[in-house]
């Protein structure tokens, strides 16, 4: 929901850093892998109830997630970079939720429901991206991306806000996970509705739509 509005601001802040890293020979994929390591560390910290460490490592992961795109724009974006970006993000999101179940087995049902909800948002997002590529449907509303980013109520920014919130107040994980999971299902439903409406139309061979 907030991603499209915040994207230009984030790009303006991170693009100069991305250009500097690119000049020093750093690749976007290297930044993605470093960010992934920070994210795995954040999950381990959550499981160990190390709140401050978890917040620091998640912040580092999110910084790298923004910087890899900035470096890619300064160099040459690649299909592998786009693949790594979305794949590693999904692993970190679900891994952090799993970490809450490890930290407290009482969170297991809520964690399972939220990961189940992530399957809905993730598959609806990626399935539409595949068809959009086939039909040459594109948009720059969330910046230059490797594939079509279909919006919704719960996008990247909302997920990060949720994760930082439950890391800060882990005792509220279960109720907040059920609420956020329900919002994810609303996102999935609206994406399916959008796909049915848009993809039911015959393909225009001139525009791909």
Protein backbone atom coordinates (compact mmCIF):
# COMPACT_ATOMS: atom_id res chain seq x y z
CA UNK A 1 0.00 0.00 0.00
CA UNK A 2 2.83 2.44 0.88
CA UNK A 3 5.48 1.05 -1.47
CA UNK A 4 4.55 3.10 -4.53
CA UNK A 5 4.43 6.38 -2.58
CA UNK A 6 7.72 5.78 -0.74
CA UNK A 7 9.70 4.37 -3.66
CA UNK A 8 10.81 7.71 -5.18
CA UNK A 9 12.01 8.99 -1.78
CA UNK A 10 13.91 5.80 -1.01
CA UNK A 11 15.53 5.82 -4.45
CA UNK A 12 16.66 9.44 -4.05
CA UNK A 13 18.33 8.59 -0.74
CA UNK A 14 19.96 5.30 -1.75
CA UNK A 15 20.91 5.90 -5.38
CA UNK A 16 24.02 8.00 -4.55
CA UNK A 17 25.23 5.24 -2.19
CA UNK A 18 24.50 2.66 -4.87
CA UNK A 19 26.55 4.57 -7.42
CA UNK A 20 29.45 4.80 -4.96
CA UNK A 21 29.36 1.06 -4.26
CA UNK A 22 29.20 0.35 -7.99
CA UNK A 23 32.32 2.47 -8.55
CA UNK A 24 34.16 0.32 -6.02
CA UNK A 25 33.18 -2.82 -7.94
CA UNK A 26 30.43 -4.04 -5.61
CA UNK A 27 27.67 -5.93 -7.42
CA UNK A 28 23.97 -5.88 -6.61
CA UNK A 29 24.02 -9.65 -6.05
CA UNK A 30 26.79 -9.31 -3.48
CA UNK A 31 24.69 -6.76 -1.58
CA UNK A 32 21.69 -9.11 -1.77
CA UNK A 33 23.67 -12.03 -0.32
CA UNK A 34 25.09 -9.87 2.51
CA UNK A 35 21.57 -8.66 3.26
CA UNK A 36 20.34 -12.24 3.32
CA UNK A 37 23.00 -13.11 5.91
CA UNK A 38 21.80 -10.20 8.05
CA UNK A 39 18.22 -11.46 7.70
CA UNK A 40 19.12 -15.00 8.76
CA UNK A 41 20.95 -13.51 11.71
CA UNK A 42 17.85 -11.52 12.62
CA UNK A 43 15.81 -14.72 12.62
CA UNK A 44 18.33 -16.42 14.89
CA UNK A 45 18.22 -13.42 17.23
CA UNK A 46 14.40 -13.54 17.35
CA UNK A 47 14.53 -17.25 18.22
CA UNK A 48 17.01 -16.43 21.01
CA UNK A 49 14.83 -13.54 22.27
CA UNK A 50 17.67 -11.07 21.57
CA UNK A 51 15.41 -8.15 20.70
CA UNK A 52 17.96 -5.37 20.15
CA UNK A 53 20.20 -7.59 18.04
CA UNK A 54 17.22 -8.75 15.97
CA UNK A 55 16.13 -5.18 15.27
CA UNK A 56 19.66 -4.12 14.29
CA UNK A 57 20.10 -7.09 11.95
CA UNK A 58 16.67 -6.66 10.36
CA UNK A 59 17.43 -2.96 9.78
CA UNK A 60 20.71 -3.97 8.11
CA UNK A 61 18.84 -6.50 5.98
CA UNK A 62 16.34 -3.88 4.84
CA UNK A 63 19.12 -1.40 4.06
CA UNK A 64 20.81 -3.99 1.85
CA UNK A 65 17.47 -4.76 0.21
CA UNK A 66 17.24 -1.14 -0.87
CA UNK A 67 20.90 -0.84 -1.78
CA UNK A 68 20.97 -3.85 -4.09
CA UNK A 69 18.44 -2.13 -6.33
CA UNK A 70 20.43 1.12 -6.19
CA UNK A 71 23.61 -0.70 -7.20
CA UNK A 72 21.74 -2.51 -9.99
CA UNK A 73 20.49 0.80 -11.37
CA UNK A 74 24.04 2.19 -11.29
CA UNK A 75 25.37 -0.85 -13.14
CA UNK A 76 23.30 -3.19 -15.31
CA UNK A 77 20.22 -4.88 -13.80
CA UNK A 78 20.20 -8.65 -14.36
CA UNK A 79 17.54 -11.34 -14.32
CA UNK A 80 19.54 -13.18 -11.65
CA UNK A 81 19.47 -10.07 -9.50
CA UNK A 82 15.71 -9.81 -9.77
CA UNK A 83 15.36 -13.51 -8.92
CA UNK A 84 17.61 -13.24 -5.87
CA UNK A 85 15.91 -10.08 -4.63
CA UNK A 86 12.40 -11.53 -4.42
CA UNK A 87 13.44 -15.06 -3.42
CA UNK A 88 15.65 -13.99 -0.52
CA UNK A 89 13.00 -11.53 0.71
CA UNK A 90 10.35 -14.24 0.87
CA UNK A 91 12.70 -16.57 2.73
CA UNK A 92 13.54 -13.87 5.29
CA UNK A 93 9.90 -12.88 5.85
CA UNK A 94 8.76 -16.45 6.47
CA UNK A 95 11.94 -17.30 8.37
CA UNK A 96 11.38 -14.49 10.85
CA UNK A 97 7.83 -15.67 11.45
CA UNK A 98 9.11 -19.22 11.97
CA UNK A 99 11.63 -17.82 14.49
CA UNK A 100 8.77 -16.58 16.67
CA UNK A 101 7.42 -20.14 16.84
CA UNK A 102 10.88 -21.34 17.84
CA UNK A 103 11.13 -18.64 20.51
CA UNK A 104 7.76 -19.62 22.01
CA UNK A 105 5.82 -22.74 20.94
CA UNK A 106 2.63 -20.92 21.97
CA UNK A 107 3.14 -18.82 18.82
CA UNK A 108 3.13 -21.85 16.54
CA UNK A 109 -0.50 -21.66 15.37
CA UNK A 110 -0.32 -17.93 14.67
CA UNK A 111 3.02 -18.37 12.88
CA UNK A 112 1.61 -21.19 10.74
CA UNK A 113 -1.41 -19.09 9.81
CA UNK A 114 0.77 -16.14 8.83
CA UNK A 115 3.10 -18.27 6.70
CA UNK A 116 -0.03 -19.77 5.11
CA UNK A 117 -1.15 -16.20 4.37
CA UNK A 118 2.25 -15.36 2.87
CA UNK A 119 1.73 -18.24 0.43
CA UNK A 120 -1.41 -16.50 -0.80
CA UNK A 121 0.22 -13.09 -1.26
CA UNK A 122 3.40 -14.57 -2.71
CA UNK A 123 1.79 -16.87 -5.25
CA UNK A 124 -0.76 -14.28 -6.42
CA UNK A 125 2.05 -11.75 -6.80
CA UNK A 126 4.41 -14.03 -8.72
CA UNK A 127 1.75 -15.74 -10.84
CA UNK A 128 0.49 -12.39 -12.11
CA UNK A 129 4.07 -11.29 -12.78
CA UNK A 130 4.58 -14.33 -15.02
CA UNK A 131 1.47 -13.56 -17.07
CA UNK A 132 2.30 -9.84 -17.16
CA UNK A 133 5.69 -10.69 -18.66
CA UNK A 134 3.99 -12.87 -21.25
CA UNK A 135 1.60 -10.06 -22.19
CA UNK A 136 4.20 -7.27 -22.00
CA UNK A 137 2.29 -5.55 -19.20
CA UNK A 138 4.57 -3.20 -17.29
CA UNK A 139 4.55 -0.33 -14.80
CA UNK A 140 7.18 1.92 -13.22
CA UNK A 141 4.99 3.01 -10.29
CA UNK A 142 7.29 1.13 -7.87
CA UNK A 143 10.44 2.03 -9.76
CA UNK A 144 12.29 -0.03 -12.33
CA UNK A 145 11.73 -3.71 -11.48
CA UNK A 146 12.75 -7.00 -13.04
CA UNK A 147 9.09 -7.99 -13.29
CA UNK A 148 5.60 -6.59 -12.73
CA UNK A 149 4.86 -5.72 -9.09
CA UNK A 150 1.15 -6.08 -8.37
CA UNK A 151 0.17 -3.94 -5.38
CA UNK A 152 -2.17 -4.60 -2.50
CA UNK A 153 -3.01 -3.82 1.11
CA UNK A 154 0.06 -5.63 2.48
CA UNK A 155 3.22 -5.02 0.49
CA UNK A 156 6.86 -4.83 1.52
CA UNK A 157 6.64 -1.74 3.74
CA UNK A 158 3.63 -3.02 5.66
CA UNK A 159 5.38 -6.35 6.21
CA UNK A 160 8.48 -4.62 7.56
CA UNK A 161 6.40 -2.45 9.91
CA UNK A 162 4.70 -5.60 11.19
CA UNK A 163 8.01 -7.42 11.71
CA UNK A 164 9.64 -4.54 13.58
CA UNK A 165 6.52 -4.19 15.74
CA UNK A 166 6.41 -7.84 16.81
CA UNK A 167 10.16 -7.90 17.41
CA UNK A 168 9.77 -4.92 19.75
CA UNK A 169 6.73 -6.41 21.54
CA UNK A 170 6.98 -10.19 21.06
CA UNK A 171 4.19 -10.84 23.58
CA UNK A 172 1.77 -9.41 20.98
CA UNK A 173 3.02 -11.64 18.18
CA UNK A 174 0.06 -14.03 18.09
CA UNK A 175 -2.80 -11.50 17.90
CA UNK A 176 -0.89 -9.25 15.50
CA UNK A 177 0.03 -12.24 13.31
CA UNK A 178 -3.63 -13.22 13.00
CA UNK A 179 -4.59 -9.63 12.13
CA UNK A 180 -1.78 -9.21 9.61
CA UNK A 181 -2.52 -12.64 8.13
CA UNK A 182 -6.14 -11.61 7.61
CA UNK A 183 -4.95 -8.44 5.84
CA UNK A 184 -2.73 -10.62 3.65
CA UNK A 185 -5.77 -12.62 2.60
CA UNK A 186 -7.57 -9.39 1.69
CA UNK A 187 -4.54 -8.53 -0.47
CA UNK A 188 -4.67 -11.96 -2.10
CA UNK A 189 -8.40 -11.63 -2.78
CA UNK A 190 -7.99 -8.20 -4.40
CA UNK A 191 -5.10 -9.48 -6.53
CA UNK A 192 -7.19 -12.41 -7.72
CA UNK A 193 -10.05 -10.03 -8.49
CA UNK A 194 -7.68 -7.77 -10.42
CA UNK A 195 -6.24 -10.74 -12.34
CA UNK A 196 -9.68 -12.10 -13.24
CA UNK A 197 -10.79 -8.68 -14.50
CA UNK A 198 -7.62 -7.89 -16.44
CA UNK A 199 -6.63 -11.28 -17.76
CA UNK A 200 -10.13 -12.23 -18.89
CA UNK A 201 -9.90 -9.61 -21.63
CA UNK A 202 -8.58 -10.74 -25.03
CA UNK A 203 -4.93 -9.90 -25.58
CA UNK A 204 -4.30 -6.79 -27.66
CA UNK A 205 -1.41 -7.82 -29.91
CA UNK A 206 -0.32 -4.20 -30.24
CA UNK A 207 -0.09 -3.41 -26.50
CA UNK A 208 0.08 -6.88 -24.96
CA UNK A 209 -2.91 -6.00 -22.74
